[in-house]
Protein backbone atom coordinates (compact mmCIF):
# COMPACT_ATOMS: atom_id res chain seq x y z
CA MET A 1 10.66 22.78 21.00
CA ALA A 2 8.50 20.28 22.83
CA LYS A 3 6.32 18.00 20.75
CA THR A 4 2.55 18.29 20.82
CA LEU A 5 0.71 15.92 23.15
CA LEU A 6 -2.02 14.24 21.09
CA ARG A 7 -3.61 11.64 23.36
CA SER A 8 -3.17 9.84 26.68
CA GLY A 9 -4.74 6.67 28.02
CA ASN A 10 -4.39 3.61 30.25
CA LEU A 11 -3.00 0.44 28.75
CA ASP A 12 -5.74 -1.51 30.52
CA ASP A 13 -8.32 0.06 28.19
CA TYR A 14 -6.80 -1.49 25.06
CA GLN A 15 -5.52 -4.81 23.78
CA ALA A 16 -1.96 -5.02 22.51
CA VAL A 17 -1.16 -6.85 19.27
CA GLY A 18 2.11 -8.24 18.09
CA GLY A 19 4.00 -11.00 16.36
CA GLY A 20 6.88 -13.34 16.90
CA GLY A 21 5.95 -13.76 20.58
CA GLN A 22 6.36 -10.02 21.28
CA ALA A 23 4.02 -7.08 21.50
CA VAL A 24 4.40 -4.16 19.10
CA PHE A 25 4.22 -1.63 21.93
CA ASP A 26 7.17 -3.19 23.73
CA SER A 27 9.35 -2.40 20.72
CA ALA A 28 7.65 0.77 19.51
CA LEU A 29 10.71 3.00 19.76
CA GLN A 30 12.92 0.36 18.09
CA ILE A 31 10.39 0.01 15.24
CA ARG A 32 10.43 3.79 14.61
CA GLU A 33 14.23 3.85 14.68
CA THR A 34 14.48 0.91 12.25
CA LEU A 35 12.10 2.65 9.86
CA ARG A 36 14.19 5.83 10.07
CA LEU A 37 17.39 3.94 9.29
CA ARG A 38 15.64 2.36 6.30
CA LYS A 39 14.80 5.89 5.06
CA GLN A 40 11.07 5.51 5.63
CA GLN A 41 10.71 9.04 7.05
CA ALA A 42 7.16 9.45 5.80
CA MET A 43 6.11 6.39 7.77
CA VAL A 44 8.00 7.55 10.85
CA GLU A 45 6.14 10.88 10.79
CA CYS A 46 2.80 9.06 10.75
CA LEU A 47 3.51 7.12 13.96
CA ALA A 48 3.18 9.00 17.22
CA ILE A 49 5.90 8.73 19.89
CA PRO A 50 4.79 6.84 23.05
CA GLN A 51 6.00 7.66 26.55
CA LEU A 52 5.07 5.61 29.62
CA ASN A 53 4.53 7.15 33.03
CA ASP A 54 6.46 6.03 36.10
CA SER A 55 3.95 3.36 37.07
CA GLY A 56 3.96 1.86 33.57
CA GLU A 57 0.13 1.92 33.41
CA ARG A 58 -0.55 5.10 31.42
CA VAL A 59 1.03 6.22 28.15
CA ASP A 60 1.20 9.62 26.46
CA TRP A 61 1.45 9.92 22.68
CA TYR A 62 3.34 12.87 21.17
CA SER A 63 3.37 14.12 17.58
CA PRO A 64 6.65 13.52 15.72
CA VAL A 65 6.16 16.75 13.74
CA GLU A 66 5.45 20.26 14.94
CA GLY A 67 2.31 22.17 14.19
CA GLU A 68 -1.34 22.54 15.05
CA ALA A 69 -3.10 19.25 15.73
CA ILE A 70 -6.69 18.63 14.63
CA ALA A 71 -8.75 15.57 15.49
CA TRP A 72 -9.76 13.40 12.54
CA LYS A 73 -13.48 14.10 13.01
CA SER A 74 -12.88 17.87 13.20
CA ALA A 75 -11.02 18.03 9.88
CA ASP A 76 -12.86 18.88 6.64
CA GLU A 77 -13.66 16.25 4.04
CA GLU A 78 -10.92 17.34 1.61
CA SER A 79 -8.20 17.18 4.30
CA ARG A 80 -9.34 13.70 5.40
CA LEU A 81 -9.33 12.41 1.83
CA ARG A 82 -5.84 13.78 1.28
CA ALA A 83 -4.62 12.22 4.55
CA LEU A 84 -6.31 8.92 3.72
CA ARG A 85 -4.33 8.70 0.49
CA VAL A 86 -1.12 9.24 2.47
CA LEU A 87 -2.08 6.51 4.96
CA SER A 88 -3.02 4.08 2.17
CA GLY A 89 0.42 4.47 0.63
CA MET A 90 2.00 3.96 4.04
CA VAL A 91 0.06 0.74 4.60
CA GLU A 92 1.17 -0.64 1.24
CA THR A 93 4.81 0.30 1.92
CA ALA A 94 4.68 -1.30 5.37
CA ALA A 95 3.20 -4.52 3.94
CA ALA A 96 5.92 -4.75 1.27
CA LEU A 97 8.69 -4.07 3.81
CA SER A 98 7.20 -6.66 6.20
CA ARG A 99 7.12 -9.36 3.50
CA LYS A 100 10.72 -8.62 2.53
CA SER A 101 11.89 -8.76 6.14
CA LEU A 102 10.09 -12.04 6.81
CA GLN A 103 11.93 -13.63 3.87
CA SER A 104 15.29 -12.59 5.31
CA GLY A 105 17.59 -15.17 6.84
CA LYS A 106 18.29 -12.97 9.89
CA THR A 107 16.21 -13.58 12.98
CA SER A 108 16.16 -9.90 13.93
CA LEU A 109 14.76 -8.88 10.55
CA GLN A 110 12.16 -11.64 10.70
CA LEU A 111 11.05 -10.34 14.10
CA PHE A 112 10.89 -6.80 12.73
CA GLY A 113 8.78 -8.02 9.79
CA SER A 114 6.29 -9.84 12.03
CA LEU A 115 5.94 -6.79 14.28
CA LEU A 116 5.60 -4.34 11.38
CA GLU A 117 2.79 -6.54 9.97
CA LYS A 118 0.63 -5.60 13.02
CA ALA A 119 2.19 -2.22 13.90
CA LEU A 120 -0.32 -0.09 11.94
CA GLN A 121 -3.32 -1.48 13.80
CA PHE A 122 -5.06 1.20 15.94
CA PRO A 123 -8.34 1.27 17.93
CA GLY A 124 -10.36 3.72 15.80
CA GLU A 125 -10.74 7.09 14.17
CA ASN A 126 -10.56 8.90 17.56
CA HIS A 127 -6.87 7.94 17.66
CA VAL A 128 -5.87 9.68 14.39
CA PHE A 129 -4.94 13.36 14.22
CA LEU A 130 -3.92 15.78 11.47
CA VAL A 131 -0.80 17.84 12.33
CA ASN A 132 -0.20 20.50 9.69
CA GLY A 133 -2.39 18.40 7.40
CA LYS A 134 -0.30 15.24 7.91
CA PRO A 135 -1.92 12.17 9.52
CA VAL A 136 -0.46 10.92 12.83
CA ILE A 137 -1.65 7.68 14.48
CA THR A 138 -1.70 7.25 18.26
CA PHE A 139 -2.03 3.94 20.13
CA TRP A 140 -0.65 2.11 17.08
CA GLY A 141 -0.05 -1.50 17.92
CA PHE A 142 -3.34 -1.68 19.88
CA VAL A 143 -7.00 -2.56 19.22
CA ASN A 144 -10.09 -2.18 21.34
CA LEU A 145 -10.82 -4.75 24.04
CA ASN A 146 -12.41 -8.01 22.85
CA GLU A 147 -11.80 -7.02 19.20
CA ASN A 148 -9.65 -8.66 16.57
CA THR A 149 -7.28 -6.95 14.19
CA ARG A 150 -8.87 -5.54 11.06
CA ASP A 151 -8.03 -7.05 7.67
CA GLU A 152 -8.28 -3.58 6.15
CA VAL A 153 -6.52 -1.33 8.65
CA LEU A 154 -8.04 1.93 7.39
CA ASP A 155 -11.67 0.76 7.18
CA CYS A 156 -12.65 2.79 10.25
CA LEU A 157 -11.49 6.00 8.50
CA ARG A 158 -13.44 5.45 5.32
CA THR A 159 -16.83 7.11 5.79
CA PHE A 160 -19.15 6.97 2.83
CA ASP A 161 -22.02 9.41 2.35
CA ALA A 162 -25.26 8.17 0.91
CA PRO A 163 -25.09 8.44 -2.90
CA PRO A 164 -27.50 10.88 -4.52
CA ALA A 165 -30.62 9.46 -5.99
CA LEU A 166 -30.10 8.40 -9.57
CA CYS A 167 -32.26 10.02 -12.25
CA VAL A 168 -33.80 7.08 -14.01
CA GLU A 169 -35.86 7.82 -17.09
CA PRO A 170 -39.23 6.13 -16.94
CA GLU A 171 -39.72 3.37 -19.41
CA PRO A 172 -41.94 4.39 -22.32
CA GLU A 173 -45.41 2.99 -21.98
CA ASP A 174 -46.71 0.75 -24.67
CA GLU A 175 -48.72 2.58 -27.28
CA PRO A 176 -52.41 1.86 -26.88
CA VAL A 177 -53.75 -0.54 -29.46
CA PRO A 178 -56.62 1.09 -31.26
CA GLU A 179 -59.85 -0.70 -30.66
CA VAL A 180 -61.43 -2.07 -33.77
CA THR A 181 -65.15 -1.51 -33.89
CA PHE A 182 -67.70 -2.93 -36.25
CA ALA A 183 -68.13 0.49 -37.72
CA GLN A 184 -64.51 0.35 -38.94
CA ALA A 185 -64.83 -3.18 -40.41
CA ASP A 186 -66.13 -1.88 -43.74
CA GLU A 187 -63.02 0.23 -44.36
CA PRO A 188 -60.98 -1.24 -47.25
CA LEU A 189 -57.45 -2.53 -46.66
CA LEU A 190 -54.57 -1.93 -48.97
CA ALA A 191 -54.71 -4.45 -51.82
CA PRO A 192 -51.86 -6.96 -51.40
CA VAL A 193 -49.55 -7.63 -54.31
CA ILE A 194 -50.20 -11.26 -55.26
CA GLU A 195 -48.28 -12.90 -58.03
CA PRO A 196 -50.38 -15.16 -60.29
CA LEU A 197 -50.01 -18.80 -59.38
CA PRO A 198 -49.32 -21.39 -62.11
CA GLU A 199 -52.33 -23.36 -63.17
CA PRO A 200 -52.39 -26.76 -61.48
CA GLU A 201 -52.34 -29.85 -63.60
CA PRO A 202 -55.66 -31.67 -63.68
CA ILE A 203 -55.73 -34.49 -61.17
CA SER A 204 -58.42 -37.14 -60.93
CA ILE A 205 -59.47 -37.07 -57.30
CA THR A 206 -62.17 -39.12 -55.75
CA ALA A 207 -63.51 -37.30 -52.75
CA PRO A 208 -64.70 -39.68 -50.05
CA HIS A 209 -67.39 -38.68 -47.70
CA VAL A 210 -65.79 -37.02 -44.69
CA SER A 211 -67.84 -36.40 -41.66
CA GLU A 212 -66.93 -33.07 -40.13
CA PRO A 213 -66.28 -33.27 -36.35
CA GLU A 214 -68.34 -31.17 -34.14
CA THR A 215 -66.10 -28.43 -32.93
CA PRO A 216 -67.09 -25.41 -30.89
CA PRO A 217 -67.41 -22.28 -32.98
CA PRO A 218 -64.28 -20.15 -32.78
CA SER A 219 -64.40 -16.92 -31.00
CA VAL A 220 -65.37 -14.15 -33.33
CA LYS A 221 -62.75 -11.42 -33.63
CA PRO A 222 -63.45 -8.16 -35.38
CA VAL A 223 -61.63 -8.11 -38.70
CA ARG A 224 -61.47 -5.80 -41.62
CA ARG A 225 -63.50 -6.73 -44.71
CA LEU A 226 -61.68 -7.16 -48.00
CA PRO A 227 -62.88 -5.30 -51.05
CA ILE A 228 -65.38 -7.14 -53.19
CA TRP A 229 -62.97 -7.50 -56.10
CA CYS A 230 -60.48 -9.48 -53.87
CA LEU A 231 -62.94 -12.18 -52.88
CA PRO A 232 -62.85 -14.41 -56.03
CA LEU A 233 -59.06 -14.41 -56.06
CA ALA A 234 -58.82 -15.12 -52.29
CA ALA A 235 -61.38 -17.94 -52.59
CA LEU A 236 -59.33 -19.56 -55.37
CA ILE A 237 -56.12 -19.41 -53.29
CA ILE A 238 -57.82 -20.88 -50.23
CA ALA A 239 -59.36 -23.67 -52.31
CA LEU A 240 -56.03 -24.65 -53.83
CA ILE A 241 -54.30 -24.71 -50.42
CA ALA A 242 -57.04 -26.50 -48.47
CA ALA A 243 -57.89 -29.15 -51.09
CA PRO A 244 -54.85 -31.41 -50.43
CA LEU A 245 -55.47 -31.15 -46.67
CA LEU A 246 -59.14 -32.05 -46.72
CA TRP A 247 -59.28 -34.63 -49.49
CA LYS A 248 -57.24 -37.79 -49.81
CA PRO A 249 -56.70 -39.43 -53.20
CA SER A 250 -58.27 -42.85 -53.58
CA VAL A 251 -55.67 -45.53 -53.34
CA VAL A 252 -56.20 -48.94 -54.87
CA VAL A 253 -55.21 -51.53 -52.26
CA ALA A 254 -54.41 -55.02 -53.49
CA GLU A 255 -56.37 -57.66 -51.65
CA SER A 256 -54.20 -59.84 -49.46
CA PRO A 257 -54.35 -63.52 -50.30
CA ALA A 258 -56.27 -65.78 -47.96
CA PRO A 259 -54.13 -67.64 -45.42
CA ALA A 260 -53.10 -71.07 -46.65
CA THR A 261 -54.49 -74.05 -44.74
CA LEU A 262 -51.93 -76.69 -43.77
CA THR A 263 -52.73 -80.31 -43.19
CA ALA A 264 -51.50 -82.26 -40.20
CA SER A 265 -48.97 -84.17 -42.38
CA GLU A 266 -47.39 -80.91 -43.51
CA ILE A 267 -46.73 -79.65 -39.93
CA LYS A 268 -43.19 -80.55 -38.96
CA PRO A 269 -42.12 -80.83 -35.35
CA LEU A 270 -39.54 -78.47 -33.81
CA PRO A 271 -35.94 -79.67 -33.98
CA LYS A 272 -34.70 -81.48 -30.91
CA ALA A 273 -32.01 -78.83 -30.37
CA ILE A 274 -34.70 -76.49 -29.12
CA ALA A 275 -35.56 -78.05 -25.82
CA PRO A 276 -38.14 -76.66 -23.42
CA LEU A 277 -36.74 -74.63 -20.53
CA PRO A 278 -36.79 -76.42 -17.16
CA LEU A 279 -39.26 -74.98 -14.73
CA HIS A 280 -38.90 -75.18 -10.94
CA GLN A 281 -41.22 -74.19 -8.20
CA ALA A 282 -40.30 -70.84 -6.67
CA GLU A 283 -38.87 -70.97 -3.18
CA VAL A 284 -39.18 -68.26 -0.56
CA ILE A 285 -35.82 -67.50 1.05
CA PRO A 286 -36.25 -65.86 4.42
CA ALA A 287 -34.23 -62.72 5.12
CA PRO A 288 -31.24 -63.21 7.40
CA GLN A 289 -32.03 -62.28 10.93
CA THR A 290 -29.55 -60.02 12.64
CA GLU A 291 -28.88 -60.66 16.24
CA LYS A 292 -30.01 -57.82 18.40
CA LYS A 293 -27.12 -56.53 20.41
CA PRO A 294 -27.80 -55.96 24.04
CA ASP A 295 -28.05 -52.35 25.11
CA GLN A 296 -24.73 -51.12 26.33
CA PRO A 297 -24.71 -49.77 29.84
CA VAL A 298 -24.70 -45.99 30.26
CA VAL A 299 -21.39 -44.77 31.62
CA ILE A 300 -21.58 -41.68 33.76
CA THR A 301 -18.25 -39.84 34.05
CA ALA A 302 -17.57 -38.19 37.35
CA ILE A 303 -16.67 -34.50 37.28
CA PRO A 304 -13.01 -34.08 38.39
CA LYS A 305 -12.49 -32.27 41.62
CA ASP A 306 -11.75 -28.55 41.31
CA ALA A 307 -12.26 -28.66 37.54
CA LEU A 308 -13.41 -25.64 35.57
CA VAL A 309 -17.11 -26.18 34.83
CA MET A 310 -18.72 -23.82 32.32
CA ASP A 311 -22.19 -23.49 33.82
CA ALA A 312 -24.77 -23.74 31.05
CA ASN A 313 -27.20 -21.25 32.66
CA GLN A 314 -24.45 -18.66 33.12
CA MET A 315 -23.34 -19.20 29.53
CA LYS A 316 -26.86 -18.51 28.26
CA ALA A 317 -27.02 -15.37 30.43
CA GLY A 318 -23.65 -14.22 29.01
CA THR A 319 -21.80 -14.19 32.35
CA THR A 320 -18.60 -15.93 33.43
CA ARG A 321 -19.00 -16.05 37.21
CA PHE A 322 -17.83 -19.66 37.07
CA LEU A 323 -14.37 -18.29 36.21
CA ASN A 324 -14.00 -16.16 39.34
CA GLY A 325 -11.25 -17.36 41.67
CA ASN A 326 -7.66 -18.61 41.61
CA TRP A 327 -6.61 -21.29 39.08
CA ARG A 328 -3.54 -23.35 38.41
CA VAL A 329 -3.05 -23.81 34.68
CA MET A 330 -1.18 -26.94 33.57
CA ILE A 331 0.14 -26.84 30.02
CA ASP A 332 2.53 -29.11 28.15
CA VAL A 333 5.32 -26.55 27.69
CA LYS A 334 8.88 -26.99 28.94
CA ASP A 335 11.39 -24.34 29.88
CA PRO A 336 14.37 -24.52 27.47
CA ILE A 337 16.86 -24.01 30.31
CA THR A 338 15.54 -26.18 33.12
CA GLY A 339 13.51 -28.60 30.99
CA LYS A 340 10.57 -28.23 33.39
CA ALA A 341 7.12 -26.83 32.77
CA PRO A 342 6.65 -23.26 34.05
CA SER A 343 4.28 -22.63 36.93
CA LEU A 344 1.30 -20.68 35.63
CA ARG A 345 -1.45 -19.26 37.85
CA TYR A 346 -4.44 -17.09 37.00
CA GLN A 347 -6.50 -14.90 39.36
CA LEU A 348 -9.75 -13.70 37.75
CA GLN A 349 -12.70 -11.70 38.97
CA ASN A 350 -15.46 -10.34 36.70
CA ASN A 351 -13.48 -10.97 33.50
CA LYS A 352 -10.34 -9.19 34.72
CA GLY A 353 -7.29 -10.33 36.63
CA THR A 354 -3.63 -11.15 36.60
CA ALA A 355 -1.44 -14.07 35.52
CA ARG A 356 1.69 -15.15 37.39
CA VAL A 357 4.42 -17.19 35.72
CA VAL A 358 7.44 -18.72 37.46
CA HIS A 359 10.08 -20.17 35.15
CA GLY A 360 13.78 -20.84 34.89
CA ASP A 361 15.75 -20.02 38.04
CA SER A 362 12.69 -18.82 40.03
CA ILE A 363 12.09 -15.86 37.72
CA VAL A 364 8.62 -14.39 38.41
CA CYS A 365 6.65 -12.72 35.61
CA ARG A 366 3.27 -11.02 35.79
CA ALA A 367 0.75 -9.92 33.19
CA GLU A 368 -2.72 -8.47 33.16
CA VAL A 369 -5.36 -10.71 31.59
CA PHE A 370 -9.05 -10.42 30.69
CA SER A 371 -11.73 -12.91 29.64
CA GLY A 372 -14.97 -12.92 27.74
CA LEU A 373 -17.45 -15.05 25.86
CA HIS A 374 -17.22 -15.23 22.09
CA GLN A 375 -20.28 -15.32 19.83
CA THR A 376 -19.57 -19.00 19.14
CA GLY A 377 -19.98 -19.84 22.83
CA GLU A 378 -16.26 -20.18 23.47
CA LEU A 379 -14.52 -18.73 26.50
CA MET A 380 -11.52 -16.58 25.60
CA ILE A 381 -8.73 -15.55 28.01
CA LYS A 382 -6.10 -13.16 26.71
CA SER A 383 -3.28 -11.05 28.10
CA ARG A 384 -2.35 -7.45 27.49
CA GLY A 385 1.01 -8.15 25.90
CA ASN A 386 3.88 -10.19 27.28
CA ALA A 387 4.44 -10.69 31.00
CA ARG A 388 6.98 -8.44 32.72
CA CYS A 389 9.61 -10.39 34.64
CA THR A 390 11.66 -9.51 37.71
CA ASP A 391 14.93 -9.76 35.75
CA GLY A 392 13.75 -7.14 33.24
CA SER A 393 12.87 -9.64 30.53
CA ARG A 394 9.50 -10.39 28.94
CA TYR A 395 7.72 -13.74 28.88
CA PRO A 396 5.16 -14.60 26.14
CA MET A 397 1.62 -15.36 27.30
CA PRO A 398 -0.74 -17.78 25.57
CA GLU A 399 -4.19 -17.08 24.19
CA ILE A 400 -6.56 -19.55 25.89
CA THR A 401 -9.78 -20.91 24.35
CA CYS A 402 -12.23 -23.12 26.27
CA LYS A 403 -15.33 -25.06 25.19
CA ALA A 404 -17.92 -26.87 27.26
CA GLY A 405 -17.28 -30.60 27.08
CA VAL A 406 -18.82 -33.61 28.85
CA ASN A 407 -20.84 -32.52 31.88
CA ASP A 408 -19.94 -28.91 30.94
CA VAL A 409 -16.31 -29.47 32.01
CA ALA A 410 -14.12 -27.00 30.14
CA THR A 411 -11.90 -28.38 27.35
CA CYS A 412 -9.20 -25.76 26.85
CA THR A 413 -6.30 -25.13 24.47
CA ALA A 414 -3.51 -22.57 24.46
CA ARG A 415 -1.91 -20.95 21.42
CA TYR A 416 1.33 -18.99 21.22
CA ASP A 417 1.09 -16.77 18.15
CA ALA A 418 1.09 -18.94 15.01
CA HIS A 419 2.14 -22.10 16.81
CA ALA A 420 -0.14 -25.12 17.09
CA ALA A 421 -2.71 -25.20 19.86
CA LEU A 422 -1.69 -27.07 23.04
CA PRO A 423 -4.09 -28.69 25.48
CA LEU A 424 -4.24 -27.28 29.02
CA THR A 425 -6.15 -27.90 32.22
CA PHE A 426 -7.58 -25.51 34.82
CA LYS A 427 -7.60 -26.59 38.46
CA LYS A 428 -9.08 -24.38 41.15
CA ILE A 429 -6.85 -23.58 44.13
CA GLY A 430 -7.24 -21.59 47.32
CA ALA A 431 -6.46 -17.93 47.62
């Protein structure tokens, strides 16, 4: 029985991802077969089967399992949660298998590990279907144009509803403090339990005259009046506590003897060892004067002919019309067979175009490329996978990044996967 067609689309509408210098899509069937041989059938059934048309521009994605297919958005919440748990387990299994393969000593397994690391990337929730309740991903190994791979692959499938409002109990208000009125001031308080204090020993104290400082009268606060029988006892306690603070005992100070008067004969000179310090007149030392260097002449660098100039006004407007045309790209990369640098040409118009590579024994390779401005102000030029060559092979394409340098002349670098960035130069050529 024929498999169910889930989705179709043009390769130009997506951006291929990969690893090890190879796109995932170019080895999609081999990846599925390797997973099947490693008894990862659950993962195989989650990856749709791609099939290119005759022109190699459009691809159809078929379900690996039979049954009724439902789009992700059309499925109910319970089915999506159940499918999301299946996909989460698949992502963890793929990550563990990728790490194990990358640690292998075989080159083929290392390539499989680097491809599997990016294989589960897909453009969005519109590319996931439920077939008999099982999740199936189409366009795996692709992301949307001008987008990077997601750190969390399944983030686009996790939709969170707004949480219900929490029932928060209001904080209890402070109890009102009863206002004390003068009518309540005559009410008696509870008599405090006061232990009798020991009688103080009689002390002879001479009270000097102390002038009381003039202090502003304290603010009158309404207080409760003590019963009449508490007043003598309270007055006694206050008197015993305040007496040491207000009165100071008289202290007999012995008179200091009068200073003795010395005659001139009794004054001895200082020993000669203690000599007076020498004094010199202060001198003003002028600060050293630095020679003023002559102003260096301003050097104006000429703009190289046919160079790629990133026009500042176009950059502010968000356009890349300065990139339209034919360009020869010179990069410091040598062919391993001939030892010569490959010939690399780009033809761009309105952020789309093609790249042509000639390497080895006149082998011609072509790839579709696109360009755009990043939020950081950098110009990015990428390809849709590896270039297809006339001998049936594939040729890796670099990811190019350009910044505006002196006089807005583009300073560009190329990067092949995880390798270090290499400098390159654009030179405009005729059609």
